[in-house]
PDB file of N, CA and C in Angstrom:
ATOM      1  N   MET A   1     -40.951  -8.717 -95.730  1.00  0.00           N
ATOM      2  CA  MET A   1     -40.609 -10.234 -94.763  1.00  0.00           C
ATOM      3  C   MET A   1     -41.779 -11.135 -94.341  1.00  0.00           C
ATOM      4  N   PHE A   2     -41.762 -12.431 -94.615  1.00  0.00           N
ATOM      5  CA  PHE A   2     -42.658 -12.982 -94.234  1.00  0.00           C
ATOM      6  C   PHE A   2     -42.418 -13.375 -92.574  1.00  0.00           C
ATOM      7  N   ASN A   3     -43.534 -13.835 -92.094  1.00  0.00           N
ATOM      8  CA  ASN A   3     -43.823 -14.095 -90.611  1.00  0.00           C
ATOM      9  C   ASN A   3     -42.512 -15.059 -90.223  1.00  0.00           C
ATOM     10  N   LYS A   4     -42.424 -16.338 -91.216  1.00  0.00           N
ATOM     11  CA  LYS A   4     -41.512 -17.224 -90.724  1.00  0.00           C
ATOM     12  C   LYS A   4     -40.146 -16.789 -90.833  1.00  0.00           C
ATOM     13  N   GLU A   5     -39.784 -16.044 -91.666  1.00  0.00           N
ATOM     14  CA  GLU A   5     -38.475 -15.267 -91.707  1.00  0.00           C
ATOM     15  C   GLU A   5     -38.091 -14.302 -90.654  1.00  0.00           C
ATOM     16  N   PHE A   6     -39.423 -13.740 -90.224  1.00  0.00           N
ATOM     17  CA  PHE A   6     -39.195 -12.736 -89.124  1.00  0.00           C
ATOM     18  C   PHE A   6     -38.946 -13.603 -87.994  1.00  0.00           C
ATOM     19  N   GLN A   7     -39.739 -14.687 -87.823  1.00  0.00           N
ATOM     20  CA  GLN A   7     -39.444 -15.693 -86.480  1.00  0.00           C
ATOM     21  C   GLN A   7     -38.029 -16.308 -86.411  1.00  0.00           C
ATOM     22  N   GLU A   8     -37.559 -16.601 -87.500  1.00  0.00           N
ATOM     23  CA  GLU A   8     -36.347 -17.422 -87.672  1.00  0.00           C
ATOM     24  C   GLU A   8     -35.234 -16.430 -87.247  1.00  0.00           C
ATOM     25  N   LYS A   9     -35.304 -15.087 -87.668  1.00  0.00           N
ATOM     26  CA  LYS A   9     -34.309 -13.848 -87.250  1.00  0.00           C
ATOM     27  C   LYS A   9     -34.317 -13.706 -85.853  1.00  0.00           C
ATOM     28  N   LEU A  10     -35.343 -13.733 -85.323  1.00  0.00           N
ATOM     29  CA  LEU A  10     -35.731 -13.392 -83.884  1.00  0.00           C
ATOM     30  C   LEU A  10     -35.491 -14.692 -82.850  1.00  0.00           C
ATOM     31  N   GLY A  11     -35.333 -15.741 -83.477  1.00  0.00           N
ATOM     32  CA  GLY A  11     -35.553 -17.243 -83.021  1.00  0.00           C
ATOM     33  C   GLY A  11     -36.516 -17.324 -82.104  1.00  0.00           C
ATOM     34  N   LEU A  12     -37.681 -17.169 -82.539  1.00  0.00           N
ATOM     35  CA  LEU A  12     -39.233 -17.230 -81.817  1.00  0.00           C
ATOM     36  C   LEU A  12     -39.692 -18.469 -82.412  1.00  0.00           C
ATOM     37  N   ALA A  13     -40.331 -19.073 -81.539  1.00  0.00           N
ATOM     38  CA  ALA A  13     -41.170 -20.238 -81.849  1.00  0.00           C
ATOM     39  C   ALA A  13     -42.311 -20.043 -82.502  1.00  0.00           C
ATOM     40  N   GLN A  14     -43.063 -20.583 -83.355  1.00  0.00           N
ATOM     41  CA  GLN A  14     -44.323 -20.497 -83.886  1.00  0.00           C
ATOM     42  C   GLN A  14     -45.370 -20.604 -82.878  1.00  0.00           C
ATOM     43  N   VAL A  15     -46.667 -20.050 -83.204  1.00  0.00           N
ATOM     44  CA  VAL A  15     -47.806 -20.130 -82.378  1.00  0.00           C
ATOM     45  C   VAL A  15     -48.202 -21.845 -82.283  1.00  0.00           C
ATOM     46  N   THR A  16     -47.905 -22.215 -83.462  1.00  0.00           N
ATOM     47  CA  THR A  16     -48.616 -23.760 -83.466  1.00  0.00           C
ATOM     48  C   THR A  16     -47.598 -24.481 -82.458  1.00  0.00           C
ATOM     49  N   SER A  17     -46.246 -24.179 -82.299  1.00  0.00           N
ATOM     50  CA  SER A  17     -45.473 -24.710 -81.433  1.00  0.00           C
ATOM     51  C   SER A  17     -45.899 -24.456 -79.792  1.00  0.00           C
ATOM     52  N   TYR A  18     -46.354 -23.307 -79.783  1.00  0.00           N
ATOM     53  CA  TYR A  18     -46.656 -22.983 -78.320  1.00  0.00           C
ATOM     54  C   TYR A  18     -47.954 -23.633 -78.206  1.00  0.00           C
ATOM     55  N   ILE A  19     -48.810 -23.811 -78.847  1.00  0.00           N
ATOM     56  CA  ILE A  19     -50.133 -24.632 -78.575  1.00  0.00           C
ATOM     57  C   ILE A  19     -49.996 -26.182 -78.587  1.00  0.00           C
ATOM     58  N   LYS A  20     -49.039 -26.648 -79.043  1.00  0.00           N
ATOM     59  CA  LYS A  20     -48.610 -28.062 -78.786  1.00  0.00           C
ATOM     60  C   LYS A  20     -48.045 -28.266 -77.445  1.00  0.00           C
ATOM     61  N   GLY A  21     -47.425 -27.339 -77.026  1.00  0.00           N
ATOM     62  CA  GLY A  21     -46.477 -27.233 -75.563  1.00  0.00           C
ATOM     63  C   GLY A  21     -47.691 -27.272 -74.705  1.00  0.00           C
ATOM     64  N   GLN A  22     -48.737 -26.270 -74.968  1.00  0.00           N
ATOM     65  CA  GLN A  22     -49.755 -26.327 -73.808  1.00  0.00           C
ATOM     66  C   GLN A  22     -50.683 -27.490 -73.916  1.00  0.00           C
ATOM     67  N   ARG A  23     -50.888 -28.133 -75.009  1.00  0.00           N
ATOM     68  CA  ARG A  23     -51.649 -29.403 -74.928  1.00  0.00           C
ATOM     69  C   ARG A  23     -51.000 -30.327 -74.207  1.00  0.00           C
ATOM     70  N   ILE A  24     -49.606 -30.578 -74.311  1.00  0.00           N
ATOM     71  CA  ILE A  24     -48.888 -31.108 -73.520  1.00  0.00           C
ATOM     72  C   ILE A  24     -48.917 -31.195 -72.305  1.00  0.00           C
ATOM     73  N   GLN A  25     -48.654 -29.931 -71.825  1.00  0.00           N
ATOM     74  CA  GLN A  25     -48.852 -29.258 -70.640  1.00  0.00           C
ATOM     75  C   GLN A  25     -50.105 -29.901 -69.717  1.00  0.00           C
ATOM     76  N   TRP A  26     -51.288 -29.510 -70.551  1.00  0.00           N
ATOM     77  CA  TRP A  26     -52.550 -30.028 -69.829  1.00  0.00           C
ATOM     78  C   TRP A  26     -52.642 -31.472 -70.080  1.00  0.00           C
ATOM     79  N   LEU A  27     -51.946 -32.049 -70.635  1.00  0.00           N
ATOM     80  CA  LEU A  27     -52.242 -33.498 -70.545  1.00  0.00           C
ATOM     81  C   LEU A  27     -51.348 -34.230 -69.324  1.00  0.00           C
ATOM     82  N   GLY A  28     -50.372 -33.702 -68.864  1.00  0.00           N
ATOM     83  CA  GLY A  28     -49.589 -33.981 -67.804  1.00  0.00           C
ATOM     84  C   GLY A  28     -50.474 -33.659 -66.803  1.00  0.00           C
ATOM     85  N   HIS A  29     -51.274 -32.354 -66.562  1.00  0.00           N
ATOM     86  CA  HIS A  29     -52.003 -32.069 -65.506  1.00  0.00           C
ATOM     87  C   HIS A  29     -53.160 -33.104 -65.294  1.00  0.00           C
ATOM     88  N   ILE A  30     -53.591 -33.246 -66.383  1.00  0.00           N
ATOM     89  CA  ILE A  30     -54.883 -34.420 -66.229  1.00  0.00           C
ATOM     90  C   ILE A  30     -54.289 -35.700 -65.682  1.00  0.00           C
ATOM     91  N   MET A  31     -53.228 -36.038 -66.269  1.00  0.00           N
ATOM     92  CA  MET A  31     -52.761 -37.620 -65.924  1.00  0.00           C
ATOM     93  C   MET A  31     -52.342 -37.743 -64.687  1.00  0.00           C
ATOM     94  N   ARG A  32     -51.824 -36.558 -64.013  1.00  0.00           N
ATOM     95  CA  ARG A  32     -51.184 -36.578 -62.391  1.00  0.00           C
ATOM     96  C   ARG A  32     -52.618 -36.913 -61.795  1.00  0.00           C
ATOM     97  N   ARG A  33     -53.859 -36.217 -62.127  1.00  0.00           N
ATOM     98  CA  ARG A  33     -54.904 -36.474 -61.109  1.00  0.00           C
ATOM     99  C   ARG A  33     -55.336 -37.598 -60.990  1.00  0.00           C
ATOM    100  N   SER A  34     -56.378 -38.031 -60.049  1.00  0.00           N
ATOM    101  CA  SER A  34     -56.830 -39.117 -59.418  1.00  0.00           C
ATOM    102  C   SER A  34     -57.648 -39.537 -60.724  1.00  0.00           C
ATOM    103  N   GLU A  35     -57.754 -41.063 -60.919  1.00  0.00           N
ATOM    104  CA  GLU A  35     -58.569 -41.531 -61.918  1.00  0.00           C
ATOM    105  C   GLU A  35     -60.046 -41.584 -61.325  1.00  0.00           C
ATOM    106  N   GLU A  36     -60.324 -41.247 -60.361  1.00  0.00           N
ATOM    107  CA  GLU A  36     -61.829 -41.125 -59.938  1.00  0.00           C
ATOM    108  C   GLU A  36     -62.399 -39.695 -60.349  1.00  0.00           C
ATOM    109  N   GLU A  37     -61.447 -38.889 -60.672  1.00  0.00           N
ATOM    110  CA  GLU A  37     -62.232 -37.395 -61.120  1.00  0.00           C
ATOM    111  C   GLU A  37     -62.753 -37.664 -62.336  1.00  0.00           C
ATOM    112  N   THR A  38     -63.479 -36.667 -62.428  1.00  0.00           N
ATOM    113  CA  THR A  38     -64.422 -36.541 -63.851  1.00  0.00           C
ATOM    114  C   THR A  38     -63.625 -36.227 -64.968  1.00  0.00           C
ATOM    115  N   ILE A  39     -62.472 -35.696 -64.789  1.00  0.00           N
ATOM    116  CA  ILE A  39     -61.668 -35.136 -65.919  1.00  0.00           C
ATOM    117  C   ILE A  39     -60.931 -36.281 -66.512  1.00  0.00           C
ATOM    118  N   SER A  40     -60.635 -37.253 -65.537  1.00  0.00           N
ATOM    119  CA  SER A  40     -59.898 -38.242 -66.190  1.00  0.00           C
ATOM    120  C   SER A  40     -60.846 -39.357 -66.815  1.00  0.00           C
ATOM    121  N   ALA A  41     -62.234 -39.411 -66.295  1.00  0.00           N
ATOM    122  CA  ALA A  41     -63.096 -40.385 -66.940  1.00  0.00           C
ATOM    123  C   ALA A  41     -63.194 -39.568 -68.261  1.00  0.00           C
ATOM    124  N   VAL A  42     -63.360 -38.296 -68.574  1.00  0.00           N
ATOM    125  CA  VAL A  42     -64.048 -37.751 -69.749  1.00  0.00           C
ATOM    126  C   VAL A  42     -62.689 -38.013 -70.613  1.00  0.00           C
ATOM    127  N   MET A  43     -61.731 -37.888 -70.335  1.00  0.00           N
ATOM    128  CA  MET A  43     -60.420 -38.094 -71.205  1.00  0.00           C
ATOM    129  C   MET A  43     -60.330 -39.114 -71.794  1.00  0.00           C
ATOM    130  N   GLU A  44     -60.515 -40.395 -71.200  1.00  0.00           N
ATOM    131  CA  GLU A  44     -60.559 -41.756 -71.635  1.00  0.00           C
ATOM    132  C   GLU A  44     -61.931 -42.222 -72.177  1.00  0.00           C
ATOM    133  N   TRP A  45     -62.922 -41.502 -72.295  1.00  0.00           N
ATOM    134  CA  TRP A  45     -64.027 -41.905 -72.726  1.00  0.00           C
ATOM    135  C   TRP A  45     -64.156 -41.757 -73.988  1.00  0.00           C
ATOM    136  N   LYS A  46     -64.833 -42.792 -74.875  1.00  0.00           N
ATOM    137  CA  LYS A  46     -64.856 -42.954 -76.204  1.00  0.00           C
ATOM    138  C   LYS A  46     -66.660 -43.360 -76.481  1.00  0.00           C
ATOM    139  N   PRO A  47     -66.767 -42.212 -77.416  1.00  0.00           N
ATOM    140  CA  PRO A  47     -68.551 -42.439 -77.616  1.00  0.00           C
ATOM    141  C   PRO A  47     -68.983 -43.694 -78.318  1.00  0.00           C
ATOM    142  N   GLY A  48     -70.028 -44.267 -78.001  1.00  0.00           N
ATOM    143  CA  GLY A  48     -70.702 -45.531 -78.520  1.00  0.00           C
ATOM    144  C   GLY A  48     -71.441 -45.271 -79.407  1.00  0.00           C
ATOM    145  N   GLY A  49     -72.067 -46.226 -80.107  1.00  0.00           N
ATOM    146  CA  GLY A  49     -73.207 -46.092 -81.127  1.00  0.00           C
ATOM    147  C   GLY A  49     -72.813 -45.660 -82.118  1.00  0.00           C
ATOM    148  N   LYS A  50     -73.892 -45.640 -83.310  1.00  0.00           N
ATOM    149  CA  LYS A  50     -73.171 -45.607 -84.651  1.00  0.00           C
ATOM    150  C   LYS A  50     -72.920 -44.205 -85.037  1.00  0.00           C
ATOM    151  N   GLY A  51     -71.766 -44.028 -85.733  1.00  0.00           N
ATOM    152  CA  GLY A  51     -71.079 -42.908 -85.952  1.00  0.00           C
ATOM    153  C   GLY A  51     -71.422 -42.164 -87.159  1.00  0.00           C
ATOM    154  N   PHE A  52     -70.749 -41.402 -87.625  1.00  0.00           N
ATOM    155  CA  PHE A  52     -71.362 -40.534 -89.053  1.00  0.00           C
ATOM    156  C   PHE A  52     -70.464 -41.427 -89.975  1.00  0.00           C
ATOM    157  N   GLY A  53     -70.800 -41.221 -91.194  1.00  0.00           N
ATOM    158  CA  GLY A  53     -69.990 -41.464 -92.355  1.00  0.00           C
ATOM    159  C   GLY A  53     -68.614 -41.002 -92.513  1.00  0.00           C
ATOM    160  N   GLY A  54     -67.807 -41.406 -93.249  1.00  0.00           N
ATOM    161  CA  GLY A  54     -66.482 -40.939 -93.504  1.00  0.00           C
ATOM    162  C   GLY A  54     -65.478 -41.123 -92.570  1.00  0.00           C
ATOM    163  N   ARG A  55     -64.349 -40.451 -92.345  1.00  0.00           N
ATOM    164  CA  ARG A  55     -63.434 -40.813 -91.699  1.00  0.00           C
ATOM    165  C   ARG A  55     -63.475 -40.494 -90.255  1.00  0.00           C
ATOM    166  N   LEU A  56     -63.058 -41.077 -89.415  1.00  0.00           N
ATOM    167  CA  LEU A  56     -63.124 -40.762 -87.848  1.00  0.00           C
ATOM    168  C   LEU A  56     -62.507 -39.517 -87.561  1.00  0.00           C
ATOM    169  N   ARG A  57     -63.296 -38.658 -86.566  1.00  0.00           N
ATOM    170  CA  ARG A  57     -62.497 -37.466 -86.375  1.00  0.00           C
ATOM    171  C   ARG A  57     -61.277 -37.604 -85.206  1.00  0.00           C
ATOM    172  N   LYS A  58     -60.508 -36.900 -85.200  1.00  0.00           N
ATOM    173  CA  LYS A  58     -59.380 -37.079 -84.165  1.00  0.00           C
ATOM    174  C   LYS A  58     -59.740 -36.410 -83.005  1.00  0.00           C
ATOM    175  N   ARG A  59     -59.648 -37.251 -81.771  1.00  0.00           N
ATOM    176  CA  ARG A  59     -59.858 -36.656 -80.407  1.00  0.00           C
ATOM    177  C   ARG A  59     -58.744 -36.086 -80.240  1.00  0.00           C
ATOM    178  N   TRP A  60     -58.855 -35.225 -79.074  1.00  0.00           N
ATOM    179  CA  TRP A  60     -57.972 -34.167 -78.652  1.00  0.00           C
ATOM    180  C   TRP A  60     -56.797 -34.904 -78.086  1.00  0.00           C
ATOM    181  N   LEU A  61     -56.835 -36.167 -77.658  1.00  0.00           N
ATOM    182  CA  LEU A  61     -55.886 -36.827 -76.967  1.00  0.00           C
ATOM    183  C   LEU A  61     -54.932 -37.691 -78.057  1.00  0.00           C
ATOM    184  N   ASN A  62     -55.638 -37.915 -79.177  1.00  0.00           N
ATOM    185  CA  ASN A  62     -55.149 -38.222 -80.567  1.00  0.00           C
ATOM    186  C   ASN A  62     -53.952 -37.311 -80.828  1.00  0.00           C
ATOM    187  N   MET A  63     -54.302 -36.227 -80.891  1.00  0.00           N
ATOM    188  CA  MET A  63     -53.536 -35.084 -81.453  1.00  0.00           C
ATOM    189  C   MET A  63     -52.354 -34.861 -80.557  1.00  0.00           C
ATOM    190  N   VAL A  64     -52.647 -34.960 -79.476  1.00  0.00           N
ATOM    191  CA  VAL A  64     -51.075 -34.682 -78.293  1.00  0.00           C
ATOM    192  C   VAL A  64     -50.559 -35.913 -78.248  1.00  0.00           C
ATOM    193  N   GLU A  65     -51.139 -37.261 -78.564  1.00  0.00           N
ATOM    194  CA  GLU A  65     -50.059 -38.230 -78.701  1.00  0.00           C
ATOM    195  C   GLU A  65     -49.170 -38.221 -80.004  1.00  0.00           C
ATOM    196  N   GLU A  66     -49.973 -37.579 -81.166  1.00  0.00           N
ATOM    197  CA  GLU A  66     -49.160 -37.282 -82.370  1.00  0.00           C
ATOM    198  C   GLU A  66     -47.967 -36.219 -82.083  1.00  0.00           C
ATOM    199  N   ASP A  67     -48.304 -35.309 -81.100  1.00  0.00           N
ATOM    200  CA  ASP A  67     -47.089 -34.085 -80.615  1.00  0.00           C
ATOM    201  C   ASP A  67     -46.264 -34.843 -80.111  1.00  0.00           C
ATOM    202  N   LEU A  68     -46.415 -35.834 -79.102  1.00  0.00           N
ATOM    203  CA  LEU A  68     -45.505 -36.617 -78.394  1.00  0.00           C
ATOM    204  C   LEU A  68     -44.541 -37.406 -79.099  1.00  0.00           C
ATOM    205  N   GLU A  69     -45.198 -38.252 -79.976  1.00  0.00           N
ATOM    206  CA  GLU A  69     -44.355 -38.925 -80.915  1.00  0.00           C
ATOM    207  C   GLU A  69     -43.431 -38.133 -81.778  1.00  0.00           C
ATOM    208  N   ALA A  70     -43.781 -37.182 -82.000  1.00  0.00           N
ATOM    209  CA  ALA A  70     -43.056 -36.047 -83.059  1.00  0.00           C
ATOM    210  C   ALA A  70     -41.771 -35.779 -81.916  1.00  0.00           C
ATOM    211  N   LEU A  71     -42.037 -35.827 -80.830  1.00  0.00           N
ATOM    212  CA  LEU A  71     -40.690 -34.939 -79.870  1.00  0.00           C
ATOM    213  C   LEU A  71     -40.093 -36.570 -79.198  1.00  0.00           C
ATOM    214  N   GLY A  72     -40.413 -37.702 -79.933  1.00  0.00           N
ATOM    215  CA  GLY A  72     -39.842 -38.910 -79.618  1.00  0.00           C
ATOM    216  C   GLY A  72     -40.027 -39.559 -77.983  1.00  0.00           C
ATOM    217  N   VAL A  73     -41.336 -39.159 -77.556  1.00  0.00           N
ATOM    218  CA  VAL A  73     -42.024 -39.575 -76.488  1.00  0.00           C
ATOM    219  C   VAL A  73     -42.967 -40.887 -76.760  1.00  0.00           C
ATOM    220  N   GLN A  74     -42.603 -41.903 -76.468  1.00  0.00           N
ATOM    221  CA  GLN A  74     -43.361 -43.092 -76.744  1.00  0.00           C
ATOM    222  C   GLN A  74     -44.079 -43.330 -75.317  1.00  0.00           C
ATOM    223  N   GLU A  75     -43.759 -43.500 -74.310  1.00  0.00           N
ATOM    224  CA  GLU A  75     -44.607 -43.787 -73.203  1.00  0.00           C
ATOM    225  C   GLU A  75     -44.692 -42.716 -72.481  1.00  0.00           C
ATOM    226  N   ARG A  76     -45.966 -42.029 -72.309  1.00  0.00           N
ATOM    227  CA  ARG A  76     -46.206 -40.790 -71.675  1.00  0.00           C
ATOM    228  C   ARG A  76     -46.429 -41.258 -70.461  1.00  0.00           C
ATOM    229  N   LYS A  77     -47.070 -42.179 -70.195  1.00  0.00           N
ATOM    230  CA  LYS A  77     -47.324 -42.555 -68.501  1.00  0.00           C
ATOM    231  C   LYS A  77     -45.896 -42.631 -67.539  1.00  0.00           C
ATOM    232  N   GLU A  78     -44.708 -42.994 -68.248  1.00  0.00           N
ATOM    233  CA  GLU A  78     -43.429 -42.829 -67.630  1.00  0.00           C
ATOM    234  C   GLU A  78     -42.951 -41.332 -67.431  1.00  0.00           C
ATOM    235  N   PHE A  79     -43.159 -40.712 -68.460  1.00  0.00           N
ATOM    236  CA  PHE A  79     -42.823 -39.203 -68.185  1.00  0.00           C
ATOM    237  C   PHE A  79     -43.549 -38.307 -67.305  1.00  0.00           C
ATOM    238  N   VAL A  80     -44.877 -38.543 -67.412  1.00  0.00           N
ATOM    239  CA  VAL A  80     -45.756 -37.765 -66.737  1.00  0.00           C
ATOM    240  C   VAL A  80     -45.637 -37.540 -65.304  1.00  0.00           C
ATOM    241  N   GLN A  81     -45.168 -38.687 -64.599  1.00  0.00           N
ATOM    242  CA  GLN A  81     -45.017 -38.703 -62.966  1.00  0.00           C
ATOM    243  C   GLN A  81     -43.815 -37.803 -62.676  1.00  0.00           C
ATOM    244  N   ASP A  82     -42.769 -37.751 -63.579  1.00  0.00           N
ATOM    245  CA  ASP A  82     -41.405 -37.171 -63.226  1.00  0.00           C
ATOM    246  C   ASP A  82     -41.813 -35.639 -63.824  1.00  0.00           C
ATOM    247  N   LEU A  83     -42.165 -34.876 -62.800  1.00  0.00           N
ATOM    248  CA  LEU A  83     -42.461 -33.313 -63.210  1.00  0.00           C
ATOM    249  C   LEU A  83     -41.299 -32.698 -64.222  1.00  0.00           C
ATOM    250  N   GLU A  84     -40.139 -32.736 -63.643  1.00  0.00           N
ATOM    251  CA  GLU A  84     -39.015 -32.095 -64.063  1.00  0.00           C
ATOM    252  C   GLU A  84     -38.729 -32.456 -65.578  1.00  0.00           C
ATOM    253  N   ARG A  85     -38.910 -33.785 -65.753  1.00  0.00           N
ATOM    254  CA  ARG A  85     -38.758 -34.262 -67.079  1.00  0.00           C
ATOM    255  C   ARG A  85     -40.130 -34.022 -68.394  1.00  0.00           C
ATOM    256  N   TRP A  86     -40.895 -33.863 -67.630  1.00  0.00           N
ATOM    257  CA  TRP A  86     -42.434 -33.436 -68.441  1.00  0.00           C
ATOM    258  C   TRP A  86     -42.210 -31.807 -68.654  1.00  0.00           C
ATOM    259  N   ARG A  87     -41.755 -31.201 -67.604  1.00  0.00           N
ATOM    260  CA  ARG A  87     -41.547 -29.681 -67.928  1.00  0.00           C
ATOM    261  C   ARG A  87     -40.414 -29.653 -69.183  1.00  0.00           C
ATOM    262  N   ASP A  88     -39.450 -30.342 -69.206  1.00  0.00           N
ATOM    263  CA  ASP A  88     -38.495 -30.224 -70.120  1.00  0.00           C
ATOM    264  C   ASP A  88     -39.235 -30.810 -71.582  1.00  0.00           C
ATOM    265  N   ILE A  89     -40.001 -31.671 -71.699  1.00  0.00           N
ATOM    266  CA  ILE A  89     -40.834 -32.068 -72.984  1.00  0.00           C
ATOM    267  C   ILE A  89     -41.764 -30.775 -73.320  1.00  0.00           C
ATOM    268  N   VAL A  90     -42.332 -30.231 -72.358  1.00  0.00           N
ATOM    269  CA  VAL A  90     -43.325 -28.954 -72.449  1.00  0.00           C
ATOM    270  C   VAL A  90     -42.380 -27.945 -73.313  1.00  0.00           C
ATOM    271  N   ILE A  91     -41.328 -27.336 -72.648  1.00  0.00           N
ATOM    272  CA  ILE A  91     -40.712 -26.331 -73.236  1.00  0.00           C
ATOM    273  C   ILE A  91     -39.769 -26.680 -74.428  1.00  0.00           C
ATOM    274  N   THR A  92     -39.565 -28.035 -74.840  1.00  0.00           N
ATOM    275  CA  THR A  92     -38.961 -28.457 -75.931  1.00  0.00           C
ATOM    276  C   THR A  92     -40.268 -28.136 -77.123  1.00  0.00           C
ATOM    277  N   ALA A  93     -41.405 -28.774 -76.645  1.00  0.00           N
ATOM    278  CA  ALA A  93     -42.567 -28.241 -77.808  1.00  0.00           C
ATOM    279  C   ALA A  93     -42.734 -27.012 -77.879  1.00  0.00           C
ATOM    280  N   ARG A  94     -42.723 -26.200 -76.939  1.00  0.00           N
ATOM    281  CA  ARG A  94     -43.074 -24.694 -77.175  1.00  0.00           C
ATOM    282  C   ARG A  94     -41.994 -23.848 -77.850  1.00  0.00           C
ATOM    283  N   THR A  95     -40.728 -24.449 -77.983  1.00  0.00           N
ATOM    284  CA  THR A  95     -39.627 -23.655 -78.557  1.00  0.00           C
ATOM    285  C   THR A  95     -39.562 -24.032 -79.773  1.00  0.00           C
ATOM    286  N   LEU A  96     -39.903 -25.112 -80.297  1.00  0.00           N
ATOM    287  CA  LEU A  96     -39.489 -25.878 -81.382  1.00  0.00           C
ATOM    288  C   LEU A  96     -39.967 -25.133 -82.779  1.00  0.00           C
ATOM    289  N   LEU A  97     -38.784 -24.849 -83.698  1.00  0.00           N
ATOM    290  CA  LEU A  97     -39.451 -24.049 -84.758  1.00  0.00           C
ATOM    291  C   LEU A  97     -39.617 -25.359 -85.515  1.00  0.00           C
ATOM    292  N   GLU A  98     -40.761 -25.011 -86.264  1.00  0.00           N
ATOM    293  CA  GLU A  98     -41.175 -26.048 -87.356  1.00  0.00           C
ATOM    294  C   GLU A  98     -41.050 -25.662 -88.678  1.00  0.00           C
ATOM    295  N   SER A  99     -40.504 -26.694 -89.535  1.00  0.00           N
ATOM    296  CA  SER A  99     -40.042 -26.493 -90.866  1.00  0.00           C
ATOM    297  C   SER A  99     -41.123 -26.894 -91.775  1.00  0.00           C
TER     298      SER A  99
END
């Protein structure tokens, strides 16, 4: 029996789903902090200067935004202040079985 079959029979979410939920939870924690705090500045920081060749690397924030889009969340700033709705989003992300 493969892991995916085992998880489906038991109704368990995949590890990747849990990690996505953790990323979304951390984003909410950061966004509810004051903008004067260092963590907020670091999250929004974009490095300047000449980059390396090739495609641009994904930032952590880009990955979380993709996770939220997959869940149908377009405006994270609206949801993040409503802690109950944000928790529902985190739980949905953690328990989602990926195909």
